[in-house]
Amino acid sequence: MTTGGRTESETGRFGPAARKLLGVMARLCGWRPDEFWRATPEDTAAVLAGWMEPMGRIEAGGGCDAGQLAAMMERFPDG
């Protein structure tokens, strides 16, 4: 979301960014809100780093390539 052409991180609005990160941690790790709010930034970073390691390192700002996406979809099927 942008406000006046600026992103949430540029406007300093914590709530929307926290809500998005809570959603990520809930989907990836099954964290409930109380677990999310008790976690430190280091806890969250460690969990995310551990999640990405098996799929190969993805540089900040980058995405995954088709091979990494296919491997992730095979390893974690939605069905």
C-alpha atoms as a PDB file:
ATOM      1  CA  MET A   1       0.000   0.000   0.000  1.00  0.00           C
ATOM      2  CA  THR A   2       1.219   3.497  -0.711  1.00  0.00           C
ATOM      3  CA  THR A   3       0.352   6.801   0.885  1.00  0.00           C
ATOM      4  CA  GLY A   4       1.018   9.825  -1.259  1.00  0.00           C
ATOM      5  CA  GLY A   5       3.297   7.716  -3.449  1.00  0.00           C
ATOM      6  CA  ARG A   6       5.283   6.397  -0.470  1.00  0.00           C
ATOM      7  CA  THR A   7       5.292   2.842   0.839  1.00  0.00           C
ATOM      8  CA  GLU A   8       4.199   1.922   4.365  1.00  0.00           C
ATOM      9  CA  SER A   9       7.816   1.516   5.451  1.00  0.00           C
ATOM     10  CA  GLU A  10       8.631   4.989   4.161  1.00  0.00           C
ATOM     11  CA  THR A  11       5.720   6.572   6.027  1.00  0.00           C
ATOM     12  CA  GLY A  12       6.689   4.854   9.287  1.00  0.00           C
ATOM     13  CA  ARG A  13       3.319   3.120   9.678  1.00  0.00           C
ATOM     14  CA  PHE A  14       4.017   0.028  11.737  1.00  0.00           C
ATOM     15  CA  GLY A  15       0.548  -1.527  11.857  1.00  0.00           C
ATOM     16  CA  PRO A  16       0.075  -2.481   8.189  1.00  0.00           C
ATOM     17  CA  ALA A  17       3.591  -3.941   7.931  1.00  0.00           C
ATOM     18  CA  ALA A  18       3.129  -5.902  11.173  1.00  0.00           C
ATOM     19  CA  ARG A  19      -0.203  -7.257   9.934  1.00  0.00           C
ATOM     20  CA  LYS A  20       1.436  -8.495   6.717  1.00  0.00           C
ATOM     21  CA  LEU A  21       4.311 -10.122   8.609  1.00  0.00           C
ATOM     22  CA  LEU A  22       1.861 -11.771  11.028  1.00  0.00           C
ATOM     23  CA  GLY A  23       0.074 -13.246   8.014  1.00  0.00           C
ATOM     24  CA  VAL A  24       3.334 -14.590   6.615  1.00  0.00           C
ATOM     25  CA  MET A  25       4.358 -16.152   9.920  1.00  0.00           C
ATOM     26  CA  ALA A  26       0.880 -17.646  10.398  1.00  0.00           C
ATOM     27  CA  ARG A  27       0.935 -19.259   6.942  1.00  0.00           C
ATOM     28  CA  LEU A  28       4.533 -20.454   7.011  1.00  0.00           C
ATOM     29  CA  CYS A  29       4.922 -21.432  10.641  1.00  0.00           C
ATOM     30  CA  GLY A  30       1.454 -21.679  12.106  1.00  0.00           C
ATOM     31  CA  TRP A  31       2.156 -18.840  14.541  1.00  0.00           C
ATOM     32  CA  ARG A  32      -0.896 -17.504  16.339  1.00  0.00           C
ATOM     33  CA  PRO A  33      -1.019 -13.777  17.190  1.00  0.00           C
ATOM     34  CA  ASP A  34       0.280 -14.264  20.741  1.00  0.00           C
ATOM     35  CA  GLU A  35       3.284 -16.233  19.437  1.00  0.00           C
ATOM     36  CA  PHE A  36       3.986 -13.550  16.856  1.00  0.00           C
ATOM     37  CA  TRP A  37       3.879 -10.699  19.381  1.00  0.00           C
ATOM     38  CA  ARG A  38       6.087 -12.565  21.887  1.00  0.00           C
ATOM     39  CA  ALA A  39       8.747 -13.259  19.246  1.00  0.00           C
ATOM     40  CA  THR A  40      11.719 -10.952  18.879  1.00  0.00           C
ATOM     41  CA  PRO A  41      12.816  -9.647  15.469  1.00  0.00           C
ATOM     42  CA  GLU A  42      15.755 -12.077  15.742  1.00  0.00           C
ATOM     43  CA  ASP A  43      13.335 -14.983  16.315  1.00  0.00           C
ATOM     44  CA  THR A  44      11.371 -14.060  13.223  1.00  0.00           C
ATOM     45  CA  ALA A  45      14.509 -13.593  11.104  1.00  0.00           C
ATOM     46  CA  ALA A  46      15.901 -16.961  12.243  1.00  0.00           C
ATOM     47  CA  VAL A  47      12.668 -18.763  11.364  1.00  0.00           C
ATOM     48  CA  LEU A  48      12.499 -17.141   7.941  1.00  0.00           C
ATOM     49  CA  ALA A  49      16.187 -17.850   7.259  1.00  0.00           C
ATOM     50  CA  GLY A  50      15.682 -21.491   8.211  1.00  0.00           C
ATOM     51  CA  TRP A  51      12.644 -21.701   5.968  1.00  0.00           C
ATOM     52  CA  MET A  52      14.534 -20.378   2.935  1.00  0.00           C
ATOM     53  CA  GLU A  53      17.765 -22.361   3.420  1.00  0.00           C
ATOM     54  CA  PRO A  54      16.468 -25.704   2.064  1.00  0.00           C
ATOM     55  CA  MET A  55      15.334 -23.990  -1.128  1.00  0.00           C
ATOM     56  CA  GLY A  56      18.581 -22.143  -1.706  1.00  0.00           C
ATOM     57  CA  ARG A  57      19.483 -18.639  -0.709  1.00  0.00           C
ATOM     58  CA  ILE A  58      17.352 -15.914  -2.224  1.00  0.00           C
ATOM     59  CA  GLU A  59      18.927 -12.482  -2.259  1.00  0.00           C
ATOM     60  CA  ALA A  60      17.091  -9.586  -0.652  1.00  0.00           C
ATOM     61  CA  GLY A  61      14.743  -7.926  -3.095  1.00  0.00           C
ATOM     62  CA  GLY A  62      14.855 -10.910  -5.418  1.00  0.00           C
ATOM     63  CA  GLY A  63      12.432 -13.678  -5.989  1.00  0.00           C
ATOM     64  CA  CYS A  64      12.785 -17.346  -6.618  1.00  0.00           C
ATOM     65  CA  ASP A  65      13.389 -18.811 -10.015  1.00  0.00           C
ATOM     66  CA  ALA A  66      11.155 -21.375 -11.701  1.00  0.00           C
ATOM     67  CA  GLY A  67      13.212 -24.283 -10.373  1.00  0.00           C
ATOM     68  CA  GLN A  68      13.030 -23.068  -6.781  1.00  0.00           C
ATOM     69  CA  LEU A  69       9.285 -22.462  -7.111  1.00  0.00           C
ATOM     70  CA  ALA A  70       8.711 -25.952  -8.527  1.00  0.00           C
ATOM     71  CA  ALA A  71      10.777 -27.515  -5.722  1.00  0.00           C
ATOM     72  CA  MET A  72       8.842 -25.555  -3.090  1.00  0.00           C
ATOM     73  CA  MET A  73       5.497 -26.545  -4.629  1.00  0.00           C
ATOM     74  CA  GLU A  74       6.536 -30.202  -4.671  1.00  0.00           C
ATOM     75  CA  ARG A  75       7.815 -30.107  -1.100  1.00  0.00           C
ATOM     76  CA  PHE A  76       4.797 -28.225   0.276  1.00  0.00           C
ATOM     77  CA  PRO A  77       1.716 -29.187  -1.763  1.00  0.00           C
ATOM     78  CA  ASP A  78      -1.499 -27.339  -1.007  1.00  0.00           C
ATOM     79  CA  GLY A  79      -3.732 -30.345  -1.566  1.00  0.00           C
END
